[in-house]
Amino acid sequence: MSNDQLMETVYRGLKGRRFLIVIYDIWSIEAWDQMRRIFPNDDNRNRILLTTRLKYVANYVSCPDFPPHSIVFPKFKK
């Protein structure tokens, strides 16, 4: 099965359904642009939660209703 066939299969499987997708550590805008095509936008309150270490990816992926959330870890003194 080619990547395009796999993407079409996933899209058809999700179409018309409600879903929560969790994507861990997305690494580039290009990767997101390819992946987002498989998620139908049916306006039925689907959610996609993703994590990234890259601020520019988080800003690109975010929408006005859900801005990116950053976690700042404290630095410990030795």
Protein backbone atom coordinates (compact mmCIF):
# COMPACT_ATOMS: atom_id res chain seq x y z
CA MET A 1 0.00 0.00 0.00
CA SER A 2 1.42 3.40 -0.96
CA ASN A 3 1.46 6.41 1.36
CA ASP A 4 -1.33 8.04 -0.64
CA GLN A 5 -3.49 4.92 -0.38
CA LEU A 6 -2.84 4.71 3.36
CA MET A 7 -3.75 8.37 3.82
CA GLU A 8 -6.97 7.88 1.85
CA THR A 9 -7.87 4.82 3.95
CA VAL A 10 -7.35 6.72 7.21
CA TYR A 11 -9.31 9.72 5.90
CA ARG A 12 -12.27 7.54 4.92
CA GLY A 13 -12.15 5.74 8.26
CA LEU A 14 -12.34 9.02 10.16
CA LYS A 15 -14.85 10.78 7.89
CA GLY A 16 -18.14 11.38 9.70
CA ARG A 17 -16.82 10.19 13.06
CA ARG A 18 -15.71 11.99 16.18
CA PHE A 19 -12.09 11.49 17.11
CA LEU A 20 -9.24 12.58 19.34
CA ILE A 21 -5.81 12.24 17.76
CA VAL A 22 -2.62 12.62 19.82
CA ILE A 23 0.60 13.28 17.91
CA TYR A 24 3.80 13.21 19.92
CA ASP A 25 6.85 15.33 19.01
CA ILE A 26 6.09 16.66 15.56
CA TRP A 27 9.33 17.94 14.09
CA SER A 28 8.49 20.17 11.14
CA ILE A 29 5.85 22.28 9.46
CA GLU A 30 6.14 20.11 6.36
CA ALA A 31 5.37 16.97 8.37
CA TRP A 32 2.25 18.64 9.80
CA ASP A 33 1.10 19.83 6.36
CA GLN A 34 1.28 16.26 5.07
CA MET A 35 -0.43 14.75 8.11
CA ARG A 36 -3.27 17.25 8.38
CA ARG A 37 -4.67 16.15 5.02
CA ILE A 38 -5.81 12.85 6.53
CA PHE A 39 -7.99 14.47 9.20
CA PRO A 40 -11.46 15.42 7.92
CA ASN A 41 -12.94 18.71 9.09
CA ASP A 42 -16.58 17.73 9.59
CA ASP A 43 -17.31 20.33 12.27
CA ASN A 44 -18.23 17.59 14.74
CA ARG A 45 -15.88 18.72 17.51
CA ASN A 46 -12.89 16.57 16.63
CA ARG A 47 -9.63 17.38 18.37
CA ILE A 48 -5.99 16.94 17.50
CA LEU A 49 -3.48 17.32 20.32
CA LEU A 50 0.15 17.51 19.39
CA THR A 51 3.44 18.14 21.08
CA THR A 52 6.59 19.67 19.70
CA ARG A 53 9.82 21.05 21.02
CA LEU A 54 9.89 23.70 18.32
CA LYS A 55 8.14 27.00 19.00
CA TYR A 56 7.76 27.88 15.32
CA VAL A 57 5.96 24.59 14.66
CA ALA A 58 3.61 25.20 17.60
CA ASN A 59 2.84 28.71 16.35
CA TYR A 60 2.21 27.45 12.81
CA VAL A 61 -0.11 24.65 13.91
CA SER A 62 -2.09 26.64 16.48
CA CYS A 63 -5.40 28.36 15.87
CA PRO A 64 -6.74 31.56 17.50
CA ASP A 65 -9.10 29.65 19.80
CA PHE A 66 -6.33 27.38 21.09
CA PRO A 67 -2.94 29.13 21.29
CA PRO A 68 0.15 27.02 22.01
CA HIS A 69 0.95 26.21 25.60
CA SER A 70 4.59 26.27 26.69
CA ILE A 71 6.11 24.49 29.62
CA VAL A 72 9.17 26.05 31.19
CA PHE A 73 11.14 23.72 33.37
CA PRO A 74 12.98 25.23 36.33
CA LYS A 75 16.75 25.12 36.32
CA PHE A 76 18.23 23.51 39.38
CA LYS A 77 21.41 24.77 40.98
CA LYS A 78 24.13 22.26 41.71
